[in-house]
């Protein structure tokens, strides 16, 4: 209920208090102010049914807090990166978008950056966009925020790139190394994941189509246009996002496998229902703790693995050096309670 209302960045206790301190009638009336009003209404209805002794049928979704950053953190075993996305933050709820905004405000001496205008810029950058900072400029323009009397677009871009390398240096380094594997003459890349899933990545690039023709009657005409075709490109920025997407796909497959097999730790000898929307995993509330348990184990396994080095070696066709920092421990991962939140 609290997550659907918009309190998903609050502590668990604050979310519990929101429900515990409001009557059912008040919770119903608050639906008009919820971030996700339909999901909120369904959750409140299920809560009312539970209070009357009926079984709960509602699916509980727990969202990865910035999964791209989480995956970079465990693949590079970097404690500092992990802290930003609740992989090594203990019982503290951290917010990478807010940290980025604070870094940009500190670098510029301004107070115009916040998690709302920095969120999409950070997300798109982690998925390989060269100019993620334009998302901040776009946000300002769409929301009528006057900023250009305080900072130029060029200064904003420089500040954003600097801030990203200040708050998440090892994630940015990993992106750079992955991008360096791109070859201008290669149009398809292959690699295999630990579960045997075979990845095929076709490079799409922009090519100029330039055609001159003459009709049967002798009329000459010419046209040119840019077209998207499957062909290698030296400007391809898709390597890092496709590698990370292949890993989050692997994580989703592992979550499904583990939830649909019996689990002695939770005294479950039947398949548990699980579904996902991107990096949000949904299950029956009775199985939510188990779902977090499996996600934690998968993060620990990735932290101990050499998966990133292995993928890079498969892509390049030669043995690549590890870029793991090895400052993140599995104990840190297990002690962090907001990985799925």
C-alpha atoms as a PDB file:
ATOM      1  CA  UNK A   1       0.000   0.000   0.000  1.00  0.00           C
ATOM      2  CA  UNK A   2       2.707   2.447   0.997  1.00  0.00           C
ATOM      3  CA  UNK A   3       4.790   1.736  -2.118  1.00  0.00           C
ATOM      4  CA  UNK A   4       1.806   2.357  -4.401  1.00  0.00           C
ATOM      5  CA  UNK A   5       1.041   5.557  -2.528  1.00  0.00           C
ATOM      6  CA  UNK A   6       4.546   6.857  -3.289  1.00  0.00           C
ATOM      7  CA  UNK A   7       6.428   6.084  -0.094  1.00  0.00           C
ATOM      8  CA  UNK A   8       8.795   3.542  -1.646  1.00  0.00           C
ATOM      9  CA  UNK A   9      11.798   5.746  -0.811  1.00  0.00           C
ATOM     10  CA  UNK A  10      10.869   5.775   2.884  1.00  0.00           C
ATOM     11  CA  UNK A  11      12.140   3.267   5.448  1.00  0.00           C
ATOM     12  CA  UNK A  12      10.174   0.073   6.008  1.00  0.00           C
ATOM     13  CA  UNK A  13       9.085   1.365   9.425  1.00  0.00           C
ATOM     14  CA  UNK A  14       7.754   4.595   7.917  1.00  0.00           C
ATOM     15  CA  UNK A  15       5.798   2.587   5.352  1.00  0.00           C
ATOM     16  CA  UNK A  16       4.371   0.314   8.044  1.00  0.00           C
ATOM     17  CA  UNK A  17       3.452   3.348  10.164  1.00  0.00           C
ATOM     18  CA  UNK A  18       1.608   4.939   7.240  1.00  0.00           C
ATOM     19  CA  UNK A  19      -0.799   1.988   7.111  1.00  0.00           C
ATOM     20  CA  UNK A  20      -0.921   1.305  10.845  1.00  0.00           C
ATOM     21  CA  UNK A  21      -1.683   4.920  11.750  1.00  0.00           C
ATOM     22  CA  UNK A  22      -4.516   5.391   9.232  1.00  0.00           C
ATOM     23  CA  UNK A  23      -7.992   3.911   9.409  1.00  0.00           C
ATOM     24  CA  UNK A  24      -9.230   1.829   6.490  1.00  0.00           C
ATOM     25  CA  UNK A  25     -11.596   4.637   5.510  1.00  0.00           C
ATOM     26  CA  UNK A  26      -8.709   7.129   5.501  1.00  0.00           C
ATOM     27  CA  UNK A  27      -6.583   4.755   3.386  1.00  0.00           C
ATOM     28  CA  UNK A  28      -9.430   4.496   0.859  1.00  0.00           C
ATOM     29  CA  UNK A  29      -9.856   8.274   0.661  1.00  0.00           C
ATOM     30  CA  UNK A  30      -6.103   8.767   0.170  1.00  0.00           C
ATOM     31  CA  UNK A  31      -6.249   6.840  -3.105  1.00  0.00           C
ATOM     32  CA  UNK A  32      -6.798  10.023  -5.083  1.00  0.00           C
ATOM     33  CA  UNK A  33      -3.311  11.206  -4.047  1.00  0.00           C
ATOM     34  CA  UNK A  34      -1.498   7.928  -4.762  1.00  0.00           C
ATOM     35  CA  UNK A  35       1.293   7.640  -7.325  1.00  0.00           C
ATOM     36  CA  UNK A  36      -0.338   4.450  -8.675  1.00  0.00           C
ATOM     37  CA  UNK A  37      -4.031   4.899  -7.813  1.00  0.00           C
ATOM     38  CA  UNK A  38      -5.355   1.638  -9.310  1.00  0.00           C
ATOM     39  CA  UNK A  39      -2.659  -0.526  -7.737  1.00  0.00           C
ATOM     40  CA  UNK A  40      -3.132   1.377  -4.492  1.00  0.00           C
ATOM     41  CA  UNK A  41      -6.883   0.742  -4.530  1.00  0.00           C
ATOM     42  CA  UNK A  42      -6.361  -2.982  -5.152  1.00  0.00           C
ATOM     43  CA  UNK A  43      -3.842  -3.218  -2.328  1.00  0.00           C
ATOM     44  CA  UNK A  44      -6.162  -1.427   0.126  1.00  0.00           C
ATOM     45  CA  UNK A  45      -9.047  -3.724  -0.853  1.00  0.00           C
ATOM     46  CA  UNK A  46      -6.869  -6.778  -0.195  1.00  0.00           C
ATOM     47  CA  UNK A  47      -5.788  -5.324   3.154  1.00  0.00           C
ATOM     48  CA  UNK A  48      -9.432  -4.816   4.154  1.00  0.00           C
ATOM     49  CA  UNK A  49     -10.210  -8.426   3.168  1.00  0.00           C
ATOM     50  CA  UNK A  50      -7.254  -9.664   5.218  1.00  0.00           C
ATOM     51  CA  UNK A  51      -8.498  -7.692   8.238  1.00  0.00           C
ATOM     52  CA  UNK A  52     -11.781  -9.616   7.912  1.00  0.00           C
ATOM     53  CA  UNK A  53      -9.973 -12.959   7.788  1.00  0.00           C
ATOM     54  CA  UNK A  54     -10.088 -13.636   4.050  1.00  0.00           C
ATOM     55  CA  UNK A  55      -7.016 -14.933   2.154  1.00  0.00           C
ATOM     56  CA  UNK A  56      -4.900 -12.324   0.394  1.00  0.00           C
ATOM     57  CA  UNK A  57      -4.892 -12.707  -3.395  1.00  0.00           C
ATOM     58  CA  UNK A  58      -2.913  -9.569  -4.244  1.00  0.00           C
ATOM     59  CA  UNK A  59       0.588  -9.737  -5.761  1.00  0.00           C
ATOM     60  CA  UNK A  60       3.320  -7.889  -3.886  1.00  0.00           C
ATOM     61  CA  UNK A  61       5.909  -6.216  -6.136  1.00  0.00           C
ATOM     62  CA  UNK A  62       9.368  -5.461  -4.799  1.00  0.00           C
ATOM     63  CA  UNK A  63      11.492  -3.230  -7.003  1.00  0.00           C
ATOM     64  CA  UNK A  64      15.255  -3.420  -7.485  1.00  0.00           C
ATOM     65  CA  UNK A  65      16.657  -0.073  -6.414  1.00  0.00           C
ATOM     66  CA  UNK A  66      18.512   0.905  -9.597  1.00  0.00           C
ATOM     67  CA  UNK A  67      19.257  -2.538 -11.022  1.00  0.00           C
ATOM     68  CA  UNK A  68      21.776  -1.401 -13.655  1.00  0.00           C
ATOM     69  CA  UNK A  69      23.932   0.114 -10.907  1.00  0.00           C
ATOM     70  CA  UNK A  70      23.379  -2.987  -8.728  1.00  0.00           C
ATOM     71  CA  UNK A  71      24.663  -5.212 -11.520  1.00  0.00           C
ATOM     72  CA  UNK A  72      27.701  -3.021 -12.175  1.00  0.00           C
ATOM     73  CA  UNK A  73      28.377  -3.126  -8.413  1.00  0.00           C
ATOM     74  CA  UNK A  74      28.384  -6.920  -8.076  1.00  0.00           C
ATOM     75  CA  UNK A  75      30.040  -7.609 -11.452  1.00  0.00           C
ATOM     76  CA  UNK A  76      32.944  -5.349 -10.445  1.00  0.00           C
ATOM     77  CA  UNK A  77      32.702  -6.202  -6.706  1.00  0.00           C
ATOM     78  CA  UNK A  78      32.821  -2.499  -5.838  1.00  0.00           C
ATOM     79  CA  UNK A  79      31.639  -1.535  -2.339  1.00  0.00           C
ATOM     80  CA  UNK A  80      31.252   2.182  -3.150  1.00  0.00           C
ATOM     81  CA  UNK A  81      29.085   1.538  -6.200  1.00  0.00           C
ATOM     82  CA  UNK A  82      27.096  -1.016  -4.192  1.00  0.00           C
ATOM     83  CA  UNK A  83      26.394   1.534  -1.463  1.00  0.00           C
ATOM     84  CA  UNK A  84      24.649   3.848  -3.935  1.00  0.00           C
ATOM     85  CA  UNK A  85      22.055   1.208  -4.840  1.00  0.00           C
ATOM     86  CA  UNK A  86      21.440  -0.560  -1.500  1.00  0.00           C
ATOM     87  CA  UNK A  87      23.740  -3.514  -2.092  1.00  0.00           C
ATOM     88  CA  UNK A  88      26.175  -2.534   0.702  1.00  0.00           C
ATOM     89  CA  UNK A  89      24.149   0.011   2.682  1.00  0.00           C
ATOM     90  CA  UNK A  90      23.100  -2.132   5.676  1.00  0.00           C
ATOM     91  CA  UNK A  91      19.812  -0.873   7.086  1.00  0.00           C
ATOM     92  CA  UNK A  92      20.193   2.528   5.402  1.00  0.00           C
ATOM     93  CA  UNK A  93      18.009   3.302   2.379  1.00  0.00           C
ATOM     94  CA  UNK A  94      20.234   5.031  -0.169  1.00  0.00           C
ATOM     95  CA  UNK A  95      19.247   6.862  -3.347  1.00  0.00           C
ATOM     96  CA  UNK A  96      21.730   7.107  -6.228  1.00  0.00           C
ATOM     97  CA  UNK A  97      19.640   9.764  -7.982  1.00  0.00           C
ATOM     98  CA  UNK A  98      19.688  11.984  -4.911  1.00  0.00           C
ATOM     99  CA  UNK A  99      23.434  11.416  -4.475  1.00  0.00           C
ATOM    100  CA  UNK A 100      24.005  12.473  -8.097  1.00  0.00           C
ATOM    101  CA  UNK A 101      21.888  15.603  -7.597  1.00  0.00           C
ATOM    102  CA  UNK A 102      23.826  16.520  -4.442  1.00  0.00           C
ATOM    103  CA  UNK A 103      27.144  16.041  -6.263  1.00  0.00           C
ATOM    104  CA  UNK A 104      26.020  18.308  -9.112  1.00  0.00           C
ATOM    105  CA  UNK A 105      24.796  20.987  -6.710  1.00  0.00           C
ATOM    106  CA  UNK A 106      28.111  20.817  -4.836  1.00  0.00           C
ATOM    107  CA  UNK A 107      30.184  21.050  -8.008  1.00  0.00           C
ATOM    108  CA  UNK A 108      28.221  24.067  -9.264  1.00  0.00           C
ATOM    109  CA  UNK A 109      27.332  25.789  -5.994  1.00  0.00           C
ATOM    110  CA  UNK A 110      23.671  25.709  -7.091  1.00  0.00           C
ATOM    111  CA  UNK A 111      20.567  24.054  -5.669  1.00  0.00           C
ATOM    112  CA  UNK A 112      18.621  23.335  -8.867  1.00  0.00           C
ATOM    113  CA  UNK A 113      19.342  19.602  -9.152  1.00  0.00           C
ATOM    114  CA  UNK A 114      17.232  16.959  -7.430  1.00  0.00           C
ATOM    115  CA  UNK A 115      16.428  13.248  -7.832  1.00  0.00           C
ATOM    116  CA  UNK A 116      13.508  14.012 -10.155  1.00  0.00           C
ATOM    117  CA  UNK A 117      15.534  15.837 -12.793  1.00  0.00           C
ATOM    118  CA  UNK A 118      18.603  13.591 -12.408  1.00  0.00           C
ATOM    119  CA  UNK A 119      16.912  10.160 -12.417  1.00  0.00           C
ATOM    120  CA  UNK A 120      16.481   9.610 -16.154  1.00  0.00           C
ATOM    121  CA  UNK A 121      19.918  11.068 -16.925  1.00  0.00           C
ATOM    122  CA  UNK A 122      21.618   8.547 -14.638  1.00  0.00           C
ATOM    123  CA  UNK A 123      19.510   5.638 -15.908  1.00  0.00           C
ATOM    124  CA  UNK A 124      20.130   6.335 -19.588  1.00  0.00           C
ATOM    125  CA  UNK A 125      23.857   6.891 -18.995  1.00  0.00           C
ATOM    126  CA  UNK A 126      24.189   3.489 -17.312  1.00  0.00           C
ATOM    127  CA  UNK A 127      22.596   1.979 -20.409  1.00  0.00           C
ATOM    128  CA  UNK A 128      25.175   3.480 -22.731  1.00  0.00           C
ATOM    129  CA  UNK A 129      23.752   6.856 -23.755  1.00  0.00           C
ATOM    130  CA  UNK A 130      26.605   9.230 -24.512  1.00  0.00           C
ATOM    131  CA  UNK A 131      24.598  12.368 -23.763  1.00  0.00           C
ATOM    132  CA  UNK A 132      22.457  11.350 -20.784  1.00  0.00           C
ATOM    133  CA  UNK A 133      22.825  14.876 -19.425  1.00  0.00           C
ATOM    134  CA  UNK A 134      20.370  16.073 -22.082  1.00  0.00           C
ATOM    135  CA  UNK A 135      17.642  14.378 -20.030  1.00  0.00           C
ATOM    136  CA  UNK A 136      18.212  17.010 -17.329  1.00  0.00           C
ATOM    137  CA  UNK A 137      18.025  19.842 -19.859  1.00  0.00           C
ATOM    138  CA  UNK A 138      14.878  18.278 -21.333  1.00  0.00           C
ATOM    139  CA  UNK A 139      13.311  17.988 -17.869  1.00  0.00           C
ATOM    140  CA  UNK A 140      14.001  21.663 -17.132  1.00  0.00           C
ATOM    141  CA  UNK A 141      12.507  22.779 -20.439  1.00  0.00           C
ATOM    142  CA  UNK A 142       9.404  20.579 -20.143  1.00  0.00           C
ATOM    143  CA  UNK A 143       8.731  21.746 -16.584  1.00  0.00           C
ATOM    144  CA  UNK A 144       9.384  25.434 -17.180  1.00  0.00           C
ATOM    145  CA  UNK A 145      12.489  25.592 -14.972  1.00  0.00           C
ATOM    146  CA  UNK A 146      14.665  28.608 -15.785  1.00  0.00           C
ATOM    147  CA  UNK A 147      18.251  27.453 -15.396  1.00  0.00           C
ATOM    148  CA  UNK A 148      20.286  29.001 -18.231  1.00  0.00           C
ATOM    149  CA  UNK A 149      20.873  32.220 -16.309  1.00  0.00           C
ATOM    150  CA  UNK A 150      22.700  30.093 -13.703  1.00  0.00           C
ATOM    151  CA  UNK A 151      24.517  27.485 -15.803  1.00  0.00           C
ATOM    152  CA  UNK A 152      25.052  27.005 -19.535  1.00  0.00           C
ATOM    153  CA  UNK A 153      24.163  23.768 -21.276  1.00  0.00           C
ATOM    154  CA  UNK A 154      27.860  23.078 -21.848  1.00  0.00           C
ATOM    155  CA  UNK A 155      28.685  23.627 -18.171  1.00  0.00           C
ATOM    156  CA  UNK A 156      25.763  21.381 -17.176  1.00  0.00           C
ATOM    157  CA  UNK A 157      27.038  18.594 -19.443  1.00  0.00           C
ATOM    158  CA  UNK A 158      30.567  18.826 -18.008  1.00  0.00           C
ATOM    159  CA  UNK A 159      29.220  18.873 -14.453  1.00  0.00           C
ATOM    160  CA  UNK A 160      27.050  15.818 -15.066  1.00  0.00           C
ATOM    161  CA  UNK A 161      29.872  13.764 -16.559  1.00  0.00           C
ATOM    162  CA  UNK A 162      32.193  14.784 -13.714  1.00  0.00           C
ATOM    163  CA  UNK A 163      29.583  13.968 -11.068  1.00  0.00           C
ATOM    164  CA  UNK A 164      28.935  10.518 -12.559  1.00  0.00           C
ATOM    165  CA  UNK A 165      32.633   9.687 -12.346  1.00  0.00           C
ATOM    166  CA  UNK A 166      32.789  11.043  -8.794  1.00  0.00           C
ATOM    167  CA  UNK A 167      29.883   9.012  -7.398  1.00  0.00           C
ATOM    168  CA  UNK A 168      30.263   5.804  -9.464  1.00  0.00           C
ATOM    169  CA  UNK A 169      33.825   5.681 -10.830  1.00  0.00           C
ATOM    170  CA  UNK A 170      34.064   1.901 -11.142  1.00  0.00           C
ATOM    171  CA  UNK A 171      30.707   1.554 -12.888  1.00  0.00           C
ATOM    172  CA  UNK A 172      31.779   4.212 -15.395  1.00  0.00           C
ATOM    173  CA  UNK A 173      35.134   2.469 -15.872  1.00  0.00           C
ATOM    174  CA  UNK A 174      33.349  -0.830 -16.546  1.00  0.00           C
ATOM    175  CA  UNK A 175      31.176   0.918 -19.142  1.00  0.00           C
ATOM    176  CA  UNK A 176      34.270   2.349 -20.823  1.00  0.00           C
ATOM    177  CA  UNK A 177      35.973  -1.060 -20.960  1.00  0.00           C
ATOM    178  CA  UNK A 178      32.857  -2.695 -22.405  1.00  0.00           C
ATOM    179  CA  UNK A 179      32.511   0.019 -25.034  1.00  0.00           C
ATOM    180  CA  UNK A 180      36.160  -0.436 -25.996  1.00  0.00           C
ATOM    181  CA  UNK A 181      35.308  -3.983 -27.139  1.00  0.00           C
ATOM    182  CA  UNK A 182      33.302  -2.605 -30.043  1.00  0.00           C
ATOM    183  CA  UNK A 183      34.828  -3.255 -33.466  1.00  0.00           C
ATOM    184  CA  UNK A 184      33.768  -1.110 -36.406  1.00  0.00           C
ATOM    185  CA  UNK A 185      33.753  -4.094 -38.784  1.00  0.00           C
ATOM    186  CA  UNK A 186      31.768  -6.517 -36.609  1.00  0.00           C
ATOM    187  CA  UNK A 187      27.982  -6.437 -36.951  1.00  0.00           C
ATOM    188  CA  UNK A 188      27.023  -9.348 -34.640  1.00  0.00           C
ATOM    189  CA  UNK A 189      28.394 -10.332 -31.231  1.00  0.00           C
ATOM    190  CA  UNK A 190      27.791 -13.582 -29.346  1.00  0.00           C
ATOM    191  CA  UNK A 191      28.276 -14.717 -25.767  1.00  0.00           C
ATOM    192  CA  UNK A 192      26.847 -17.429 -23.500  1.00  0.00           C
ATOM    193  CA  UNK A 193      25.449 -16.886 -20.007  1.00  0.00           C
ATOM    194  CA  UNK A 194      26.103 -19.214 -17.015  1.00  0.00           C
ATOM    195  CA  UNK A 195      22.767 -21.001 -17.520  1.00  0.00           C
ATOM    196  CA  UNK A 196      23.594 -21.801 -21.161  1.00  0.00           C
ATOM    197  CA  UNK A 197      21.452 -18.991 -22.616  1.00  0.00           C
ATOM    198  CA  UNK A 198      23.068 -17.829 -25.863  1.00  0.00           C
ATOM    199  CA  UNK A 199      23.122 -14.068 -26.470  1.00  0.00           C
ATOM    200  CA  UNK A 200      23.173 -12.657 -29.990  1.00  0.00           C
ATOM    201  CA  UNK A 201      23.633  -8.906 -30.330  1.00  0.00           C
ATOM    202  CA  UNK A 202      23.137  -7.385 -33.786  1.00  0.00           C
ATOM    203  CA  UNK A 203      24.619  -3.905 -34.159  1.00  0.00           C
ATOM    204  CA  UNK A 204      22.326  -1.340 -35.693  1.00  0.00           C
ATOM    205  CA  UNK A 205      23.954   1.712 -37.248  1.00  0.00           C
ATOM    206  CA  UNK A 206      22.944   4.716 -39.294  1.00  0.00           C
ATOM    207  CA  UNK A 207      24.006   4.601 -42.928  1.00  0.00           C
ATOM    208  CA  UNK A 208      23.506   7.244 -45.619  1.00  0.00           C
ATOM    209  CA  UNK A 209      21.441   6.071 -48.583  1.00  0.00           C
ATOM    210  CA  UNK A 210      22.336   8.076 -51.692  1.00  0.00           C
ATOM    211  CA  UNK A 211      20.522   7.195 -54.948  1.00  0.00           C
ATOM    212  CA  UNK A 212      20.610   8.811 -58.378  1.00  0.00           C
ATOM    213  CA  UNK A 213      18.326   7.437 -61.103  1.00  0.00           C
ATOM    214  CA  UNK A 214      16.965   8.226 -64.541  1.00  0.00           C
ATOM    215  CA  UNK A 215      13.493   7.254 -65.701  1.00  0.00           C
ATOM    216  CA  UNK A 216      12.744   5.652 -69.078  1.00  0.00           C
ATOM    217  CA  UNK A 217      11.687   9.063 -70.371  1.00  0.00           C
ATOM    218  CA  UNK A 218      15.079  10.496 -69.412  1.00  0.00           C
ATOM    219  CA  UNK A 219      14.057  12.401 -66.256  1.00  0.00           C
ATOM    220  CA  UNK A 220      16.893  12.420 -63.711  1.00  0.00           C
ATOM    221  CA  UNK A 221      16.213  12.443 -59.995  1.00  0.00           C
ATOM    222  CA  UNK A 222      18.217  12.063 -56.831  1.00  0.00           C
ATOM    223  CA  UNK A 223      17.431  11.495 -53.184  1.00  0.00           C
ATOM    224  CA  UNK A 224      19.352  10.693 -50.027  1.00  0.00           C
ATOM    225  CA  UNK A 225      18.340   9.786 -46.503  1.00  0.00           C
ATOM    226  CA  UNK A 226      19.711   8.230 -43.319  1.00  0.00           C
ATOM    227  CA  UNK A 227      18.544   4.651 -42.705  1.00  0.00           C
ATOM    228  CA  UNK A 228      19.017   2.235 -39.808  1.00  0.00           C
ATOM    229  CA  UNK A 229      20.642  -1.026 -40.914  1.00  0.00           C
ATOM    230  CA  UNK A 230      22.298  -3.959 -39.184  1.00  0.00           C
ATOM    231  CA  UNK A 231      25.950  -3.164 -39.700  1.00  0.00           C
ATOM    232  CA  UNK A 232      29.044  -2.577 -37.565  1.00  0.00           C
ATOM    233  CA  UNK A 233      29.892   0.988 -36.573  1.00  0.00           C
ATOM    234  CA  UNK A 234      32.790   2.636 -34.814  1.00  0.00           C
ATOM    235  CA  UNK A 235      30.244   4.845 -33.015  1.00  0.00           C
ATOM    236  CA  UNK A 236      28.216   1.935 -31.619  1.00  0.00           C
ATOM    237  CA  UNK A 237      27.200   2.621 -27.996  1.00  0.00           C
ATOM    238  CA  UNK A 238      25.188  -0.548 -27.536  1.00  0.00           C
ATOM    239  CA  UNK A 239      27.848  -2.842 -26.084  1.00  0.00           C
ATOM    240  CA  UNK A 240      27.556  -1.920 -22.402  1.00  0.00           C
ATOM    241  CA  UNK A 241      23.727  -1.781 -22.282  1.00  0.00           C
ATOM    242  CA  UNK A 242      23.407  -5.117 -24.105  1.00  0.00           C
ATOM    243  CA  UNK A 243      25.859  -6.799 -21.734  1.00  0.00           C
ATOM    244  CA  UNK A 244      24.011  -5.446 -18.687  1.00  0.00           C
ATOM    245  CA  UNK A 245      20.629  -6.416 -20.182  1.00  0.00           C
ATOM    246  CA  UNK A 246      21.945  -9.938 -20.742  1.00  0.00           C
ATOM    247  CA  UNK A 247      22.847 -10.113 -17.043  1.00  0.00           C
ATOM    248  CA  UNK A 248      19.499  -8.766 -15.822  1.00  0.00           C
ATOM    249  CA  UNK A 249      17.829 -11.331 -18.091  1.00  0.00           C
ATOM    250  CA  UNK A 250      19.925 -14.031 -16.435  1.00  0.00           C
ATOM    251  CA  UNK A 251      18.904 -12.741 -12.987  1.00  0.00           C
ATOM    252  CA  UNK A 252      15.207 -12.885 -13.954  1.00  0.00           C
ATOM    253  CA  UNK A 253      15.560 -16.450 -15.261  1.00  0.00           C
ATOM    254  CA  UNK A 254      17.316 -17.522 -12.060  1.00  0.00           C
ATOM    255  CA  UNK A 255      14.605 -15.896  -9.920  1.00  0.00           C
ATOM    256  CA  UNK A 256      11.931 -17.843 -11.822  1.00  0.00           C
ATOM    257  CA  UNK A 257      13.879 -21.107 -11.562  1.00  0.00           C
ATOM    258  CA  UNK A 258      14.421 -20.789  -7.816  1.00  0.00           C
ATOM    259  CA  UNK A 259      10.895 -19.652  -6.974  1.00  0.00           C
ATOM    260  CA  UNK A 260       9.313 -22.467  -8.974  1.00  0.00           C
ATOM    261  CA  UNK A 261      11.405 -25.165  -7.283  1.00  0.00           C
ATOM    262  CA  UNK A 262      10.738 -26.467  -3.733  1.00  0.00           C
ATOM    263  CA  UNK A 263      12.571 -24.482  -1.037  1.00  0.00           C
ATOM    264  CA  UNK A 264      13.315 -26.309   2.246  1.00  0.00           C
ATOM    265  CA  UNK A 265      14.444 -23.124   4.008  1.00  0.00           C
ATOM    266  CA  UNK A 266      10.919 -21.708   3.714  1.00  0.00           C
ATOM    267  CA  UNK A 267       9.139 -25.070   4.086  1.00  0.00           C
ATOM    268  CA  UNK A 268       7.729 -24.784   0.585  1.00  0.00           C
ATOM    269  CA  UNK A 269       7.298 -27.983  -1.420  1.00  0.00           C
ATOM    270  CA  UNK A 270       5.225 -26.490  -4.239  1.00  0.00           C
ATOM    271  CA  UNK A 271       6.036 -23.968  -7.022  1.00  0.00           C
ATOM    272  CA  UNK A 272       5.675 -20.346  -5.902  1.00  0.00           C
ATOM    273  CA  UNK A 273       4.146 -17.816  -8.275  1.00  0.00           C
ATOM    274  CA  UNK A 274       6.521 -15.132  -9.539  1.00  0.00           C
ATOM    275  CA  UNK A 275       6.215 -12.501 -12.240  1.00  0.00           C
ATOM    276  CA  UNK A 276       8.257  -9.476 -13.237  1.00  0.00           C
ATOM    277  CA  UNK A 277       7.886  -6.058 -14.800  1.00  0.00           C
ATOM    278  CA  UNK A 278      11.382  -5.089 -15.877  1.00  0.00           C
ATOM    279  CA  UNK A 279      13.315  -5.087 -12.566  1.00  0.00           C
ATOM    280  CA  UNK A 280      10.274  -5.350 -10.273  1.00  0.00           C
ATOM    281  CA  UNK A 281       9.506  -8.869  -9.076  1.00  0.00           C
ATOM    282  CA  UNK A 282       6.030  -9.843  -7.954  1.00  0.00           C
ATOM    283  CA  UNK A 283       4.806 -12.735  -5.816  1.00  0.00           C
ATOM    284  CA  UNK A 284       2.241 -13.570  -3.142  1.00  0.00           C
ATOM    285  CA  UNK A 285       2.993 -11.623   0.079  1.00  0.00           C
ATOM    286  CA  UNK A 286       3.624 -14.914   1.903  1.00  0.00           C
ATOM    287  CA  UNK A 287       6.580 -15.528  -0.435  1.00  0.00           C
ATOM    288  CA  UNK A 288       8.022 -11.995  -0.518  1.00  0.00           C
ATOM    289  CA  UNK A 289      10.728 -12.753   2.056  1.00  0.00           C
ATOM    290  CA  UNK A 290      11.807 -15.819   0.105  1.00  0.00           C
ATOM    291  CA  UNK A 291      11.929 -13.793  -3.115  1.00  0.00           C
ATOM    292  CA  UNK A 292      14.349 -11.351  -1.455  1.00  0.00           C
ATOM    293  CA  UNK A 293      16.379 -14.306  -0.138  1.00  0.00           C
ATOM    294  CA  UNK A 294      16.875 -15.696  -3.651  1.00  0.00           C
ATOM    295  CA  UNK A 295      17.730 -12.268  -5.099  1.00  0.00           C
ATOM    296  CA  UNK A 296      20.344 -11.802  -2.369  1.00  0.00           C
ATOM    297  CA  UNK A 297      21.907 -15.189  -3.160  1.00  0.00           C
ATOM    298  CA  UNK A 298      22.080 -14.366  -6.868  1.00  0.00           C
ATOM    299  CA  UNK A 299      23.794 -11.031  -6.118  1.00  0.00           C
ATOM    300  CA  UNK A 300      26.313 -12.862  -3.904  1.00  0.00           C
ATOM    301  CA  UNK A 301      27.005 -15.416  -6.633  1.00  0.00           C
ATOM    302  CA  UNK A 302      27.602 -12.659  -9.203  1.00  0.00           C
ATOM    303  CA  UNK A 303      29.879 -10.868  -6.731  1.00  0.00           C
ATOM    304  CA  UNK A 304      32.009 -14.009  -6.348  1.00  0.00           C
ATOM    305  CA  UNK A 305      32.019 -14.795 -10.078  1.00  0.00           C
ATOM    306  CA  UNK A 306      34.210 -13.676 -12.954  1.00  0.00           C
ATOM    307  CA  UNK A 307      31.171 -13.280 -15.202  1.00  0.00           C
ATOM    308  CA  UNK A 308      32.061  -9.829 -16.537  1.00  0.00           C
ATOM    309  CA  UNK A 309      35.600 -10.932 -17.400  1.00  0.00           C
ATOM    310  CA  UNK A 310      34.202 -14.077 -19.048  1.00  0.00           C
ATOM    311  CA  UNK A 311      31.692 -12.127 -21.175  1.00  0.00           C
ATOM    312  CA  UNK A 312      34.368  -9.628 -22.236  1.00  0.00           C
ATOM    313  CA  UNK A 313      36.677 -12.500 -23.231  1.00  0.00           C
ATOM    314  CA  UNK A 314      33.917 -14.124 -25.290  1.00  0.00           C
ATOM    315  CA  UNK A 315      33.158 -10.847 -27.079  1.00  0.00           C
ATOM    316  CA  UNK A 316      36.792  -9.947 -27.785  1.00  0.00           C
ATOM    317  CA  UNK A 317      37.984 -13.479 -28.584  1.00  0.00           C
ATOM    318  CA  UNK A 318      40.960 -13.105 -26.249  1.00  0.00           C
ATOM    319  CA  UNK A 319      41.611 -13.402 -22.519  1.00  0.00           C
ATOM    320  CA  UNK A 320      40.611 -10.125 -20.879  1.00  0.00           C
ATOM    321  CA  UNK A 321      41.974  -8.949 -17.542  1.00  0.00           C
ATOM    322  CA  UNK A 322      39.565  -8.759 -14.611  1.00  0.00           C
ATOM    323  CA  UNK A 323      38.391  -5.267 -13.651  1.00  0.00           C
ATOM    324  CA  UNK A 324      36.966  -6.372 -10.300  1.00  0.00           C
ATOM    325  CA  UNK A 325      37.782  -4.089  -7.381  1.00  0.00           C
ATOM    326  CA  UNK A 326      37.102  -6.807  -4.766  1.00  0.00           C
ATOM    327  CA  UNK A 327      36.024  -4.421  -1.995  1.00  0.00           C
ATOM    328  CA  UNK A 328      32.442  -5.759  -1.787  1.00  0.00           C
ATOM    329  CA  UNK A 329      31.851  -8.782   0.443  1.00  0.00           C
ATOM    330  CA  UNK A 330      28.897 -11.152   0.503  1.00  0.00           C
ATOM    331  CA  UNK A 331      28.366 -10.282   4.178  1.00  0.00           C
ATOM    332  CA  UNK A 332      27.743  -6.673   3.110  1.00  0.00           C
ATOM    333  CA  UNK A 333      25.242  -7.837   0.499  1.00  0.00           C
ATOM    334  CA  UNK A 334      23.389 -10.061   2.958  1.00  0.00           C
ATOM    335  CA  UNK A 335      23.226  -7.291   5.584  1.00  0.00           C
ATOM    336  CA  UNK A 336      21.636  -4.787   3.183  1.00  0.00           C
ATOM    337  CA  UNK A 337      17.848  -4.851   3.510  1.00  0.00           C
ATOM    338  CA  UNK A 338      16.701  -2.564   0.691  1.00  0.00           C
ATOM    339  CA  UNK A 339      18.052  -4.407  -2.400  1.00  0.00           C
ATOM    340  CA  UNK A 340      14.455  -5.198  -3.347  1.00  0.00           C
ATOM    341  CA  UNK A 341      12.195  -2.521  -1.962  1.00  0.00           C
END
